[in-house]
Amino acid sequence: MKIRTRFAPSPTGLLHIGNARAALFNYLYARHHGGEFVLRIEDTDRERSTQHAVDVIFDGLKWMGLDWDGEPVFQSTRQARHAEVVQQLLEKGQAYRCYSTPEELAAMREKARAEKRPPRYDGTWRDRDPSEAPEGAPFAIRLKAPQEGETIIHDHVQGDVRVANSEMDDLILLRSDGTPTYLLAVVVDDHDMEITHVMRGDDHLTNTFRQAMIYRAMGWDLPEFAHLPLIHGPDGAKLSKRHGAQSVVDFREAGFLPEALDNYLLRLGWGHGDAEVLSREEQIKLFDFDGIGQSPSRMDYVKLTHLNGIWMRQADDERLTNDVMERLAKHDDVELTETVRKRILTLMPGLKERAKTLIELSDNAAFAGLRLPLSLTPKAEKILDENGRTVLRGISEKLATLEPFTAENIDTALRSYAQEHDLKLGAVAQPLRAAMTGTTTSPGIDLTLLALGKDEVLARIRSVLES
């Protein structure tokens, strides 16, 4: 049997981090077993579904590196097939037409609540002859659900879960306007797409019991299920905006690398010994159901940020430079020239050691393209007092005659100046750093000067001395 998993989001908003983790788990399980991972867009809610949301899903999955097999399936294109299955259920006596009006349904719910019962459909039309229906009256089609015994779901995460059939009512399959319900469409699509494993949040567990009744009414084999515990905020409450980023777009804009987010989401509810930093190849090799925990996970933004720093230090300098240039395009005071790009690329080995997000990285790299005169932080201004400016005047003379302008020669010049004036190296480096960046932080001063180049270094020193 070929393993086939699926990710089936509704295009009604952003790609939530919980859904993204479900997509990741489905992808890894399929790849681990040499199977297929397919994408289905559940867009039957035409009023709320948007093309923008579809694009967000596609872009988010591609950004995360979750490549699906084949073309995406749009559920809205399959309504004729959904209706065909309902007709088969009617012919088999497994479904019936329900003529209850909205007012009658509301009265049923009100009566159930008054009697302290769950507000369920009471089966009014379950065994009635359709000839009793008002002529031309609209009707929905309901599943004739079993009323005795129990339904058991064998779940790879939750274990065996049981529900008495008497606790479930006759669910609607087709609405009175002929559109299929979510529960019906999902079952038909999963069956037709030969999905072998359904992995999703445990908030769908109730739906699974209802869907199991449709499978059995059609005589179809059920897929295997794995219901994942949900992701909560750091305080244990439902993840919300007050906790921070919630969607894939949020995390991307906040400066996280996709491999860091994937790595973190994998470890959020799944484990393999003490392994923390896992490449995609390692993830595929190790992932299986037995590592999934049963308890809800808590989002830890600090841990994610730490992990992102690890992945950034491993990332290719060219790639990071390209991202930084894109982010700096939003800064009005930064020039985006090829010269600036080369400076940042030269600085990248030192820059990425100090940053934990791409936003930090961009902020730290911005000085490479700042126009003169630089705006100085209070700490930088303090360093560039009269003593600091004296150092700048003296060291600029040495740097002006330096040939070639290499990191080694720069280091020698700075040390020579410090020794000649009985100064510690930091007393020379700090005024230079303030003059080059307008702040008190940068990569190593020799690398910083090398990246800026002799002409720019001397121009920045002059700018400070003339201010």
Protein backbone atom coordinates (compact mmCIF):
# COMPACT_ATOMS: atom_id res chain seq x y z
CA MET A 1 0.00 0.00 0.00
CA LYS A 2 1.34 3.40 -1.01
CA ILE A 3 1.15 5.93 1.81
CA ARG A 4 -0.77 9.07 0.83
CA THR A 5 -1.23 11.95 3.24
CA ARG A 6 -2.86 15.29 2.61
CA PHE A 7 -2.99 18.84 3.83
CA ALA A 8 -6.47 20.29 3.38
CA PRO A 9 -6.72 23.92 4.54
CA SER A 10 -9.66 26.27 4.07
CA PRO A 11 -8.65 29.48 2.22
CA THR A 12 -10.40 31.83 4.61
CA GLY A 13 -7.43 33.54 6.30
CA LEU A 14 -3.72 33.26 6.99
CA LEU A 15 -1.84 29.96 7.28
CA HIS A 16 -1.98 29.46 11.06
CA ILE A 17 1.03 27.94 12.78
CA GLY A 18 -1.05 24.95 13.97
CA ASN A 19 -2.07 24.16 10.41
CA ALA A 20 1.52 24.65 9.25
CA ARG A 21 2.70 22.05 11.78
CA ALA A 22 0.03 19.62 10.59
CA ALA A 23 1.23 20.15 7.01
CA LEU A 24 4.82 19.52 8.10
CA PHE A 25 3.92 16.30 9.93
CA ASN A 26 1.92 15.01 6.95
CA TYR A 27 4.77 15.87 4.61
CA LEU A 28 7.43 14.17 6.75
CA TYR A 29 5.33 11.05 7.31
CA ALA A 30 4.73 10.62 3.59
CA ARG A 31 8.38 11.21 2.71
CA HIS A 32 9.57 8.92 5.52
CA HIS A 33 7.54 6.06 4.05
CA GLY A 34 8.29 6.86 0.41
CA GLY A 35 4.71 7.95 -0.14
CA GLU A 36 2.92 11.01 -1.51
CA PHE A 37 1.87 14.27 0.11
CA VAL A 38 -1.05 15.99 -1.63
CA LEU A 39 -2.71 19.37 -1.25
CA ARG A 40 -6.45 19.97 -1.27
CA ILE A 41 -7.98 23.42 -0.91
CA GLU A 42 -11.29 23.11 0.93
CA ASP A 43 -13.02 26.11 -0.61
CA THR A 44 -16.66 25.07 -0.42
CA ASP A 45 -17.38 28.14 1.73
CA ARG A 46 -17.44 30.40 -1.30
CA GLU A 47 -18.38 33.54 0.65
CA ARG A 48 -15.31 33.40 2.91
CA SER A 49 -12.81 31.76 0.54
CA THR A 50 -10.51 34.19 -1.28
CA GLN A 51 -7.82 33.92 -3.92
CA HIS A 52 -5.52 35.91 -1.65
CA ALA A 53 -5.86 33.24 1.05
CA VAL A 54 -5.15 30.53 -1.53
CA ASP A 55 -1.99 32.37 -2.58
CA VAL A 56 -0.95 32.72 1.07
CA ILE A 57 -1.27 28.95 1.53
CA PHE A 58 0.75 28.20 -1.61
CA ASP A 59 3.45 30.75 -0.74
CA GLY A 60 3.64 29.60 2.88
CA LEU A 61 4.07 25.93 2.01
CA LYS A 62 6.68 26.73 -0.64
CA TRP A 63 8.55 28.97 1.81
CA MET A 64 8.57 26.14 4.36
CA GLY A 65 9.94 23.77 1.72
CA LEU A 66 6.86 21.52 1.77
CA ASP A 67 6.54 20.52 -1.87
CA TRP A 68 3.33 18.63 -2.61
CA ASP A 69 2.82 15.92 -5.22
CA GLY A 70 0.66 16.60 -8.26
CA GLU A 71 -1.67 19.53 -8.78
CA PRO A 72 -3.68 21.01 -5.89
CA VAL A 73 -7.29 19.82 -5.76
CA PHE A 74 -10.00 22.43 -5.22
CA GLN A 75 -12.92 20.95 -3.33
CA SER A 76 -15.42 23.34 -4.91
CA THR A 77 -14.87 21.67 -8.30
CA ARG A 78 -16.11 18.32 -6.97
CA GLN A 79 -19.65 19.16 -5.88
CA ALA A 80 -21.20 16.95 -8.56
CA ARG A 81 -19.24 13.99 -7.16
CA HIS A 82 -20.34 14.81 -3.62
CA ALA A 83 -23.97 14.89 -4.73
CA GLU A 84 -23.49 11.57 -6.57
CA VAL A 85 -22.39 9.87 -3.34
CA VAL A 86 -25.41 11.27 -1.49
CA GLN A 87 -27.67 9.82 -4.18
CA GLN A 88 -26.04 6.44 -3.65
CA LEU A 89 -26.70 6.71 0.09
CA LEU A 90 -30.36 7.52 -0.60
CA GLU A 91 -30.69 4.51 -2.86
CA LYS A 92 -29.10 2.28 -0.21
CA GLY A 93 -31.48 3.55 2.46
CA GLN A 94 -28.56 5.10 4.37
CA ALA A 95 -29.83 8.67 3.96
CA TYR A 96 -33.17 10.47 3.84
CA ARG A 97 -34.76 13.78 2.94
CA CYS A 98 -35.42 16.09 5.86
CA TYR A 99 -38.13 18.74 5.41
CA SER A 100 -37.81 20.33 8.85
CA THR A 101 -37.97 24.10 8.59
CA PRO A 102 -35.43 26.45 10.26
CA GLU A 103 -38.16 27.38 12.77
CA GLU A 104 -38.82 23.72 13.62
CA LEU A 105 -35.10 23.07 14.04
CA ALA A 106 -34.78 26.07 16.34
CA ALA A 107 -37.72 24.78 18.42
CA MET A 108 -36.03 21.34 18.69
CA ARG A 109 -32.85 22.96 19.99
CA GLU A 110 -34.77 25.12 22.46
CA LYS A 111 -36.70 22.12 23.79
CA ALA A 112 -33.49 20.10 24.17
CA ARG A 113 -31.84 22.91 26.11
CA ALA A 114 -34.89 23.25 28.36
CA GLU A 115 -34.68 19.52 29.09
CA LYS A 116 -30.93 19.84 29.62
CA ARG A 117 -30.14 17.63 26.64
CA PRO A 118 -27.60 18.31 23.86
CA PRO A 119 -29.32 20.35 21.11
CA ARG A 120 -29.52 17.69 18.42
CA TYR A 121 -31.88 16.92 15.55
CA ASP A 122 -34.64 14.62 16.83
CA GLY A 123 -35.05 12.48 13.70
CA THR A 124 -38.51 13.77 12.77
CA TRP A 125 -38.17 12.77 9.09
CA ARG A 126 -35.94 9.72 9.61
CA ASP A 127 -38.67 7.13 9.07
CA ARG A 128 -41.50 9.19 7.62
CA ASP A 129 -42.78 8.72 4.12
CA PRO A 130 -41.58 11.56 1.86
CA SER A 131 -45.14 11.76 0.51
CA GLU A 132 -46.06 13.46 3.79
CA ALA A 133 -43.85 16.41 2.90
CA PRO A 134 -45.43 19.68 1.77
CA GLU A 135 -45.43 19.86 -2.02
CA GLY A 136 -42.40 21.71 -3.37
CA ALA A 137 -40.93 22.25 0.10
CA PRO A 138 -37.13 22.54 0.33
CA PHE A 139 -35.27 19.72 1.99
CA ALA A 140 -31.84 18.76 3.22
CA ILE A 141 -30.47 15.25 3.01
CA ARG A 142 -29.34 13.62 6.23
CA LEU A 143 -27.35 10.49 6.99
CA LYS A 144 -29.31 7.75 8.69
CA ALA A 145 -26.79 7.29 11.50
CA PRO A 146 -26.64 4.12 13.61
CA GLN A 147 -28.48 4.59 16.91
CA GLU A 148 -27.13 1.63 18.85
CA GLY A 149 -23.67 0.44 19.74
CA GLU A 150 -20.59 2.63 19.59
CA THR A 151 -18.10 4.04 17.12
CA ILE A 152 -14.42 3.38 17.82
CA ILE A 153 -11.58 5.35 16.29
CA HIS A 154 -8.17 3.70 16.42
CA ASP A 155 -5.92 6.73 16.64
CA HIS A 156 -2.13 6.68 16.35
CA VAL A 157 -1.77 9.47 18.92
CA GLN A 158 -4.85 9.32 21.14
CA GLY A 159 -5.21 5.53 21.24
CA ASP A 160 -8.67 3.95 20.95
CA VAL A 161 -11.39 6.58 21.38
CA ARG A 162 -15.03 5.55 21.75
CA VAL A 163 -18.36 7.35 21.43
CA ALA A 164 -21.83 5.87 21.91
CA ASN A 165 -23.81 6.16 18.67
CA SER A 166 -26.81 7.37 20.69
CA GLU A 167 -24.87 10.59 21.35
CA MET A 168 -24.70 11.48 17.65
CA ASP A 169 -27.57 12.69 15.48
CA ASP A 170 -28.34 12.35 11.78
CA LEU A 171 -25.91 14.81 10.26
CA ILE A 172 -26.72 16.84 7.17
CA LEU A 173 -24.98 15.68 3.96
CA LEU A 174 -26.51 18.08 1.44
CA ARG A 175 -28.02 21.40 2.41
CA SER A 176 -31.36 22.52 1.04
CA ASP A 177 -29.56 24.56 -1.63
CA GLY A 178 -27.80 21.41 -2.85
CA THR A 179 -24.34 22.25 -1.52
CA PRO A 180 -22.41 19.55 0.35
CA THR A 181 -21.43 19.91 3.98
CA TYR A 182 -17.81 19.85 5.09
CA LEU A 183 -18.20 16.42 6.69
CA LEU A 184 -19.45 14.81 3.50
CA ALA A 185 -17.00 16.52 1.15
CA VAL A 186 -13.97 15.58 3.23
CA VAL A 187 -14.92 11.90 3.31
CA VAL A 188 -15.63 11.69 -0.42
CA ASP A 189 -12.45 13.55 -1.33
CA ASP A 190 -10.23 11.54 1.01
CA HIS A 191 -11.69 8.31 -0.39
CA ASP A 192 -11.37 9.34 -4.04
CA MET A 193 -7.85 10.70 -3.52
CA GLU A 194 -6.87 7.38 -1.87
CA ILE A 195 -5.71 9.06 1.33
CA THR A 196 -4.33 6.39 3.64
CA HIS A 197 -3.52 8.54 6.69
CA VAL A 198 -5.33 11.60 8.03
CA MET A 199 -3.21 13.67 10.40
CA ARG A 200 -4.80 16.83 11.83
CA GLY A 201 -5.53 18.70 15.07
CA ASP A 202 -7.40 16.91 17.83
CA ASP A 203 -10.12 19.56 17.61
CA HIS A 204 -11.29 17.50 14.61
CA LEU A 205 -11.80 14.35 16.67
CA THR A 206 -15.56 14.90 16.98
CA ASN A 207 -15.74 15.34 13.20
CA THR A 208 -13.89 12.07 12.75
CA PHE A 209 -16.63 10.09 14.51
CA ARG A 210 -19.22 11.62 12.20
CA GLN A 211 -17.09 11.04 9.14
CA ALA A 212 -16.56 7.41 10.15
CA MET A 213 -20.34 6.88 9.89
CA ILE A 214 -20.28 8.09 6.28
CA TYR A 215 -17.38 5.78 5.41
CA ARG A 216 -19.20 2.79 6.86
CA ALA A 217 -22.51 3.70 5.25
CA MET A 218 -20.73 3.68 1.86
CA GLY A 219 -18.86 0.47 2.67
CA TRP A 220 -15.49 2.22 2.31
CA ASP A 221 -12.35 1.49 4.30
CA LEU A 222 -11.43 4.20 6.77
CA PRO A 223 -8.01 5.83 6.55
CA GLU A 224 -5.76 5.66 9.58
CA PHE A 225 -6.03 8.65 11.90
CA ALA A 226 -3.60 10.63 14.00
CA HIS A 227 -5.06 13.58 15.91
CA LEU A 228 -2.40 16.04 17.01
CA PRO A 229 -2.63 17.97 20.30
CA LEU A 230 -3.07 21.68 19.72
CA ILE A 231 -0.47 24.43 20.13
CA HIS A 232 -1.11 26.79 23.04
CA GLY A 233 0.47 30.06 24.05
CA PRO A 234 3.33 30.19 26.59
CA ASP A 235 0.75 30.60 29.37
CA GLY A 236 -1.19 27.50 28.36
CA ALA A 237 -4.11 29.47 26.92
CA LYS A 238 -5.29 29.24 23.32
CA LEU A 239 -2.69 30.80 21.02
CA SER A 240 -3.79 34.34 20.14
CA LYS A 241 -2.45 37.67 18.90
CA ARG A 242 -1.49 38.73 22.42
CA HIS A 243 1.10 35.94 22.51
CA GLY A 244 2.85 37.16 19.35
CA ALA A 245 3.16 35.74 15.83
CA GLN A 246 0.52 33.17 14.90
CA SER A 247 0.78 32.64 11.15
CA VAL A 248 3.55 31.62 8.77
CA VAL A 249 3.45 35.13 7.28
CA ASP A 250 3.94 36.64 10.75
CA PHE A 251 7.03 34.52 11.40
CA ARG A 252 8.51 35.23 7.99
CA GLU A 253 8.05 38.98 8.44
CA ALA A 254 9.51 38.74 11.96
CA GLY A 255 12.78 37.53 10.45
CA PHE A 256 12.72 33.76 10.97
CA LEU A 257 14.28 31.33 8.52
CA PRO A 258 11.96 28.62 7.16
CA GLU A 259 14.32 25.82 8.24
CA ALA A 260 14.35 27.21 11.79
CA LEU A 261 10.55 27.40 11.92
CA ASP A 262 10.23 23.89 10.46
CA ASN A 263 12.76 22.55 12.95
CA TYR A 264 10.97 24.22 15.87
CA LEU A 265 7.49 23.09 14.81
CA LEU A 266 8.74 19.54 14.42
CA ARG A 267 10.09 19.54 17.97
CA LEU A 268 6.86 21.16 19.22
CA GLY A 269 4.95 17.99 19.98
CA TRP A 270 7.37 15.41 18.56
CA GLY A 271 10.65 14.18 19.90
CA HIS A 272 13.52 11.84 19.17
CA GLY A 273 15.86 11.55 22.12
CA ASP A 274 17.86 14.71 22.74
CA ALA A 275 17.98 15.70 19.07
CA GLU A 276 17.24 19.42 18.70
CA VAL A 277 18.74 20.76 15.47
CA LEU A 278 17.66 18.51 12.61
CA SER A 279 18.18 18.94 8.89
CA ARG A 280 15.35 18.12 6.50
CA GLU A 281 17.08 14.84 5.61
CA GLU A 282 17.29 13.90 9.30
CA GLN A 283 13.67 14.90 9.87
CA ILE A 284 12.46 12.63 7.08
CA LYS A 285 14.63 9.77 8.31
CA LEU A 286 13.44 9.97 11.92
CA PHE A 287 9.81 11.11 11.81
CA ASP A 288 7.07 8.64 12.70
CA PHE A 289 3.94 8.52 14.87
CA ASP A 290 5.69 7.08 17.92
CA GLY A 291 7.43 10.39 18.67
CA ILE A 292 4.20 12.45 18.87
CA GLY A 293 3.11 13.41 22.39
CA GLN A 294 -0.47 13.44 23.66
CA SER A 295 -0.36 16.75 25.55
CA PRO A 296 -0.87 20.22 24.06
CA SER A 297 2.36 22.04 23.19
CA ARG A 298 3.27 25.49 24.43
CA MET A 299 4.72 28.00 22.02
CA ASP A 300 8.12 29.20 23.25
CA TYR A 301 9.14 32.25 21.23
CA VAL A 302 12.46 32.55 23.11
CA LYS A 303 13.43 29.00 22.18
CA LEU A 304 12.40 29.56 18.57
CA THR A 305 14.51 32.71 18.41
CA HIS A 306 17.52 30.87 19.85
CA LEU A 307 17.07 28.10 17.29
CA ASN A 308 16.78 30.66 14.52
CA GLY A 309 20.16 32.09 15.54
CA ILE A 310 21.71 28.64 15.19
CA TRP A 311 20.28 28.20 11.70
CA MET A 312 21.36 31.71 10.67
CA ARG A 313 24.96 30.97 11.59
CA GLN A 314 24.78 27.94 9.29
CA ALA A 315 23.09 29.80 6.45
CA ASP A 316 24.80 30.79 3.22
CA ASP A 317 26.19 34.36 3.31
CA GLU A 318 24.92 35.17 -0.20
CA ARG A 319 21.39 34.12 0.72
CA LEU A 320 21.41 36.17 3.92
CA THR A 321 22.78 39.19 2.08
CA ASN A 322 19.97 39.00 -0.48
CA ASP A 323 17.39 38.91 2.32
CA VAL A 324 19.02 41.83 4.11
CA MET A 325 19.03 43.90 0.92
CA GLU A 326 15.28 43.26 0.50
CA ARG A 327 14.58 44.33 4.07
CA LEU A 328 16.79 47.42 3.82
CA ALA A 329 14.76 48.56 0.83
CA LYS A 330 12.21 49.75 3.40
CA HIS A 331 14.78 52.10 5.00
CA ASP A 332 14.74 55.59 3.45
CA ASP A 333 18.20 56.47 4.78
CA VAL A 334 20.00 53.47 3.26
CA GLU A 335 21.48 53.40 -0.24
CA LEU A 336 20.97 50.10 -2.05
CA THR A 337 23.85 49.97 -4.50
CA GLU A 338 25.99 47.07 -5.66
CA THR A 339 28.81 48.55 -3.58
CA VAL A 340 26.64 48.38 -0.46
CA ARG A 341 25.67 44.81 -1.30
CA LYS A 342 29.34 43.82 -1.55
CA ARG A 343 30.04 45.50 1.79
CA ILE A 344 27.27 43.54 3.49
CA LEU A 345 28.42 40.29 1.90
CA THR A 346 31.93 40.91 3.24
CA LEU A 347 30.55 41.71 6.70
CA MET A 348 28.13 38.79 6.80
CA PRO A 349 30.41 36.24 8.56
CA GLY A 350 30.69 38.65 11.48
CA LEU A 351 27.14 40.02 11.31
CA LYS A 352 25.38 36.66 11.48
CA GLU A 353 27.29 35.66 14.61
CA ARG A 354 25.58 38.48 16.53
CA ALA A 355 21.98 38.28 15.23
CA LYS A 356 19.13 35.90 16.04
CA THR A 357 16.61 37.11 13.47
CA LEU A 358 16.83 38.56 9.98
CA ILE A 359 15.42 41.83 11.33
CA GLU A 360 18.33 42.07 13.77
CA LEU A 361 20.69 41.13 10.98
CA SER A 362 19.29 43.86 8.72
CA ASP A 363 19.42 46.47 11.47
CA ASN A 364 23.03 45.57 12.22
CA ALA A 365 23.97 45.67 8.53
CA ALA A 366 22.23 48.97 7.74
CA PHE A 367 25.30 51.07 8.57
CA ALA A 368 27.01 49.73 5.44
CA GLY A 369 24.69 51.83 3.27
CA LEU A 370 23.99 54.87 5.44
CA ARG A 371 24.41 58.30 3.90
CA LEU A 372 26.73 60.83 5.57
CA PRO A 373 26.62 62.38 8.05
CA LEU A 374 25.69 59.46 10.28
CA SER A 375 23.24 59.87 13.11
CA LEU A 376 25.07 58.98 16.33
CA THR A 377 23.60 57.16 19.31
CA PRO A 378 24.19 58.80 22.71
CA LYS A 379 26.81 56.15 23.54
CA ALA A 380 28.61 56.77 20.24
CA GLU A 381 28.59 60.53 20.86
CA LYS A 382 30.14 59.94 24.28
CA ILE A 383 32.94 57.87 22.75
CA LEU A 384 33.59 60.54 20.12
CA ASP A 385 34.64 63.15 22.65
CA GLU A 386 37.86 65.11 22.20
CA ASN A 387 40.01 62.06 23.06
CA GLY A 388 38.07 59.95 20.57
CA ARG A 389 38.45 62.54 17.84
CA THR A 390 42.18 62.77 18.55
CA VAL A 391 42.41 59.02 17.94
CA LEU A 392 40.47 59.40 14.69
CA ARG A 393 42.81 62.12 13.41
CA GLY A 394 45.88 60.05 14.16
CA ILE A 395 44.63 56.73 12.89
CA SER A 396 43.25 58.28 9.69
CA GLU A 397 46.81 59.29 8.73
CA LYS A 398 47.96 55.69 9.06
CA LEU A 399 44.95 54.30 7.19
CA ALA A 400 45.32 56.83 4.35
CA THR A 401 48.75 55.49 3.44
CA LEU A 402 47.89 51.82 3.92
CA GLU A 403 48.53 49.69 0.83
CA PRO A 404 47.08 47.24 0.22
CA PHE A 405 43.98 47.88 2.36
CA THR A 406 43.69 44.32 3.75
CA ALA A 407 42.35 43.05 7.07
CA GLU A 408 45.86 42.01 8.08
CA ASN A 409 47.35 45.42 7.30
CA ILE A 410 44.46 47.19 9.02
CA ASP A 411 45.00 45.15 12.17
CA THR A 412 48.73 45.90 12.10
CA ALA A 413 48.08 49.64 11.69
CA LEU A 414 45.63 49.78 14.61
CA ARG A 415 47.94 47.86 16.91
CA SER A 416 50.89 50.01 15.88
CA TYR A 417 48.99 53.22 16.62
CA ALA A 418 47.84 51.89 20.01
CA GLN A 419 51.39 50.90 20.95
CA GLU A 420 52.85 54.24 19.83
CA HIS A 421 50.36 56.18 21.99
CA ASP A 422 50.32 53.77 24.93
CA LEU A 423 46.65 52.91 24.38
CA LYS A 424 44.71 49.68 24.65
CA LEU A 425 43.47 48.39 21.32
CA GLY A 426 39.87 49.01 22.39
CA ALA A 427 40.60 52.70 22.87
CA VAL A 428 41.44 52.84 19.17
CA ALA A 429 38.77 50.48 17.90
CA GLN A 430 35.80 52.05 19.71
CA PRO A 431 36.10 55.59 18.25
CA LEU A 432 36.55 54.01 14.83
CA ARG A 433 33.50 51.80 15.34
CA ALA A 434 31.39 54.79 16.40
CA ALA A 435 32.55 56.79 13.38
CA MET A 436 31.87 53.89 10.98
CA THR A 437 28.43 52.81 12.31
CA GLY A 438 27.06 55.61 14.47
CA THR A 439 26.75 52.99 17.23
CA THR A 440 29.00 51.05 19.56
CA THR A 441 28.52 47.62 17.94
CA SER A 442 29.74 46.05 14.73
CA PRO A 443 31.62 42.99 13.52
CA GLY A 444 35.36 43.00 14.17
CA ILE A 445 36.75 46.46 13.45
CA ASP A 446 39.29 45.21 10.89
CA LEU A 447 36.51 43.40 8.97
CA THR A 448 34.28 46.48 9.24
CA LEU A 449 36.92 48.78 7.79
CA LEU A 450 37.79 46.25 5.08
CA ALA A 451 34.16 45.97 4.00
CA LEU A 452 33.65 49.72 3.83
CA GLY A 453 36.87 50.27 1.89
CA LYS A 454 39.55 52.92 2.38
CA ASP A 455 37.73 55.81 0.68
CA GLU A 456 34.52 55.31 2.66
CA VAL A 457 36.42 54.84 5.94
CA LEU A 458 38.28 58.11 5.46
CA ALA A 459 35.08 59.88 4.40
CA ARG A 460 33.27 58.74 7.55
CA ILE A 461 36.16 59.88 9.74
CA ARG A 462 36.14 63.28 8.03
CA SER A 463 32.38 63.56 8.50
CA VAL A 464 32.75 63.08 12.26
CA LEU A 465 35.72 65.43 12.60
CA GLU A 466 33.96 68.19 10.63
CA SER A 467 30.71 67.94 12.61
